[in-house]
C-alpha atoms as a PDB file:
ATOM      1  CA  MET A   1       0.000   0.000   0.000  1.00  0.00           C
ATOM      2  CA  PHE A   2       2.525   2.603   1.089  1.00  0.00           C
ATOM      3  CA  ILE A   3       5.471   0.809  -0.473  1.00  0.00           C
ATOM      4  CA  SER A   4       5.686   0.759  -4.252  1.00  0.00           C
ATOM      5  CA  GLN A   5       7.084  -2.195  -6.056  1.00  0.00           C
ATOM      6  CA  ALA A   6      10.765  -2.130  -7.087  1.00  0.00           C
ATOM      7  CA  TRP A   7      11.498  -3.244 -10.613  1.00  0.00           C
ATOM      8  CA  ALA A   8      14.905  -4.629 -11.604  1.00  0.00           C
ATOM      9  CA  GLN A   9      16.854  -2.881 -14.341  1.00  0.00           C
ATOM     10  CA  ALA A  10      17.546  -4.565 -17.608  1.00  0.00           C
ATOM     11  CA  ALA A  11      20.910  -6.323 -18.028  1.00  0.00           C
ATOM     12  CA  GLY A  12      23.798  -4.332 -19.544  1.00  0.00           C
ATOM     13  CA  GLY A  13      22.788  -1.026 -18.021  1.00  0.00           C
ATOM     14  CA  GLY A  14      26.309   0.311 -17.380  1.00  0.00           C
ATOM     15  CA  PRO A  15      29.952  -0.540 -18.082  1.00  0.00           C
ATOM     16  CA  GLY A  16      31.536  -2.592 -15.365  1.00  0.00           C
ATOM     17  CA  GLY A  17      35.242  -2.364 -16.217  1.00  0.00           C
ATOM     18  CA  PHE A  18      38.175   0.009 -16.691  1.00  0.00           C
ATOM     19  CA  ASP A  19      37.151   3.220 -18.434  1.00  0.00           C
ATOM     20  CA  LEU A  20      40.006   5.075 -20.192  1.00  0.00           C
ATOM     21  CA  VAL A  21      37.714   7.885 -21.307  1.00  0.00           C
ATOM     22  CA  GLY A  22      37.016   8.694 -17.641  1.00  0.00           C
ATOM     23  CA  LEU A  23      40.755   9.096 -16.955  1.00  0.00           C
ATOM     24  CA  LEU A  24      41.384  11.232 -20.032  1.00  0.00           C
ATOM     25  CA  PRO A  25      40.625  14.615 -18.339  1.00  0.00           C
ATOM     26  CA  ILE A  26      42.989  13.813 -15.458  1.00  0.00           C
ATOM     27  CA  ILE A  27      45.769  12.753 -17.835  1.00  0.00           C
ATOM     28  CA  LEU A  28      45.209  15.883 -19.931  1.00  0.00           C
ATOM     29  CA  MET A  29      45.407  18.038 -16.790  1.00  0.00           C
ATOM     30  CA  PHE A  30      48.800  16.554 -15.846  1.00  0.00           C
ATOM     31  CA  VAL A  31      50.130  17.090 -19.378  1.00  0.00           C
ATOM     32  CA  VAL A  32      49.068  20.751 -19.307  1.00  0.00           C
ATOM     33  CA  LEU A  33      50.580  21.151 -15.819  1.00  0.00           C
ATOM     34  CA  TYR A  34      53.876  19.722 -17.074  1.00  0.00           C
ATOM     35  CA  PHE A  35      54.121  22.065 -20.062  1.00  0.00           C
ATOM     36  CA  LEU A  36      52.941  25.204 -18.246  1.00  0.00           C
ATOM     37  CA  MET A  37      54.714  24.851 -14.873  1.00  0.00           C
ATOM     38  CA  ILE A  38      57.245  22.058 -14.481  1.00  0.00           C
ATOM     39  CA  ARG A  39      59.125  22.323 -17.785  1.00  0.00           C
ATOM     40  CA  PRO A  40      59.688  26.133 -17.697  1.00  0.00           C
ATOM     41  CA  GLN A  41      60.825  25.955 -14.063  1.00  0.00           C
ATOM     42  CA  ALA A  42      63.339  23.209 -14.873  1.00  0.00           C
ATOM     43  CA  LYS A  43      64.621  25.254 -17.836  1.00  0.00           C
ATOM     44  CA  ARG A  44      65.051  28.336 -15.620  1.00  0.00           C
ATOM     45  CA  ALA A  45      66.910  26.303 -12.984  1.00  0.00           C
ATOM     46  CA  LYS A  46      69.234  24.864 -15.638  1.00  0.00           C
ATOM     47  CA  GLU A  47      70.013  28.358 -17.001  1.00  0.00           C
ATOM     48  CA  HIS A  48      70.722  29.683 -13.473  1.00  0.00           C
ATOM     49  CA  LYS A  49      73.044  26.761 -12.762  1.00  0.00           C
ATOM     50  CA  ALA A  50      74.952  27.494 -15.993  1.00  0.00           C
ATOM     51  CA  LEU A  51      75.149  31.206 -15.039  1.00  0.00           C
ATOM     52  CA  LEU A  52      76.684  30.324 -11.660  1.00  0.00           C
ATOM     53  CA  ALA A  53      79.154  27.880 -13.226  1.00  0.00           C
ATOM     54  CA  ALA A  54      80.353  30.570 -15.670  1.00  0.00           C
ATOM     55  CA  LEU A  55      80.792  33.214 -12.946  1.00  0.00           C
ATOM     56  CA  ALA A  56      84.299  34.723 -13.010  1.00  0.00           C
ATOM     57  CA  LYS A  57      86.320  37.480 -11.366  1.00  0.00           C
ATOM     58  CA  GLY A  58      85.480  40.890 -12.840  1.00  0.00           C
ATOM     59  CA  ASP A  59      81.859  40.062 -13.738  1.00  0.00           C
ATOM     60  CA  GLU A  60      79.304  42.681 -12.771  1.00  0.00           C
ATOM     61  CA  VAL A  61      76.352  41.069 -11.040  1.00  0.00           C
ATOM     62  CA  VAL A  62      73.045  41.704  -9.312  1.00  0.00           C
ATOM     63  CA  ALA A  63      72.751  39.824  -6.021  1.00  0.00           C
ATOM     64  CA  GLY A  64      69.652  39.091  -3.957  1.00  0.00           C
ATOM     65  CA  GLY A  65      67.917  42.257  -2.816  1.00  0.00           C
ATOM     66  CA  GLY A  66      69.077  44.157  -5.897  1.00  0.00           C
ATOM     67  CA  MET A  67      72.643  44.792  -4.719  1.00  0.00           C
ATOM     68  CA  LEU A  68      74.988  45.640  -7.619  1.00  0.00           C
ATOM     69  CA  GLY A  69      78.657  44.808  -7.511  1.00  0.00           C
ATOM     70  CA  LYS A  70      81.756  43.470  -9.212  1.00  0.00           C
ATOM     71  CA  VAL A  71      82.935  39.938  -8.443  1.00  0.00           C
ATOM     72  CA  THR A  72      86.350  39.904  -6.763  1.00  0.00           C
ATOM     73  CA  LYS A  73      86.586  36.268  -5.601  1.00  0.00           C
ATOM     74  CA  VAL A  74      84.714  33.145  -6.623  1.00  0.00           C
ATOM     75  CA  GLY A  75      84.690  30.237  -4.202  1.00  0.00           C
ATOM     76  CA  GLU A  76      82.908  26.917  -4.259  1.00  0.00           C
ATOM     77  CA  ASN A  77      79.893  28.155  -2.274  1.00  0.00           C
ATOM     78  CA  TYR A  78      80.490  31.894  -1.803  1.00  0.00           C
ATOM     79  CA  VAL A  79      81.260  34.907  -3.977  1.00  0.00           C
ATOM     80  CA  SER A  80      82.877  38.178  -2.842  1.00  0.00           C
ATOM     81  CA  ILE A  81      81.348  41.251  -4.430  1.00  0.00           C
ATOM     82  CA  GLU A  82      82.820  44.752  -4.340  1.00  0.00           C
ATOM     83  CA  VAL A  83      79.822  47.061  -3.891  1.00  0.00           C
ATOM     84  CA  SER A  84      81.858  50.284  -3.587  1.00  0.00           C
ATOM     85  CA  PRO A  85      85.584  51.053  -3.459  1.00  0.00           C
ATOM     86  CA  ASN A  86      87.213  49.030  -0.648  1.00  0.00           C
ATOM     87  CA  VAL A  87      83.870  47.543   0.474  1.00  0.00           C
ATOM     88  CA  GLU A  88      83.387  43.839  -0.203  1.00  0.00           C
ATOM     89  CA  VAL A  89      80.365  41.731   0.634  1.00  0.00           C
ATOM     90  CA  GLN A  90      80.373  37.956   0.668  1.00  0.00           C
ATOM     91  CA  VAL A  91      77.201  36.239  -0.604  1.00  0.00           C
ATOM     92  CA  GLN A  92      76.207  32.691  -1.381  1.00  0.00           C
ATOM     93  CA  LYS A  93      76.456  31.715  -5.020  1.00  0.00           C
ATOM     94  CA  PRO A  94      72.730  31.033  -5.493  1.00  0.00           C
ATOM     95  CA  ALA A  95      72.031  34.634  -4.380  1.00  0.00           C
ATOM     96  CA  ILE A  96      73.512  35.872  -7.670  1.00  0.00           C
ATOM     97  CA  GLN A  97      70.501  36.591  -9.848  1.00  0.00           C
ATOM     98  CA  LEU A  98      71.904  38.203 -12.967  1.00  0.00           C
ATOM     99  CA  VAL A  99      75.220  38.881 -14.699  1.00  0.00           C
ATOM    100  CA  LEU A 100      75.269  42.361 -16.223  1.00  0.00           C
ATOM    101  CA  PRO A 101      77.133  43.484 -19.343  1.00  0.00           C
ATOM    102  CA  LYS A 102      80.598  44.973 -18.683  1.00  0.00           C
ATOM    103  CA  GLY A 103      80.504  48.664 -17.747  1.00  0.00           C
ATOM    104  CA  THR A 104      76.911  48.666 -16.533  1.00  0.00           C
ATOM    105  CA  ILE A 105      77.719  49.605 -12.942  1.00  0.00           C
ATOM    106  CA  LYS A 106      79.738  52.685 -13.991  1.00  0.00           C
ATOM    107  CA  ASN A 107      76.764  53.868 -16.028  1.00  0.00           C
ATOM    108  CA  ALA A 108      74.306  53.217 -13.195  1.00  0.00           C
ATOM    109  CA  SER A 109      76.036  55.443 -10.626  1.00  0.00           C
END
């Protein structure tokens, strides 16, 4: 009276196995993530590593915080930078952000 009868569904109503089409949006999302975020970041890190390996005495650089200076000593982990006459600052190598063209610091002051 108050309970209606339940009817069974016909056989073959839905797929019961692995569905590749259902995983396609997730796979596509990871591919887009790789090309938009991971690959450019790895390229930037590789370029920065090459910049630090090529660092030499006399290079004009920009260190972390925007400090300009000329490299006076290059060690394994640290670099000495002359920021003004007779004033040297020692920074870690990864803090070097950019190598400037020769003569840039003279033009900036």
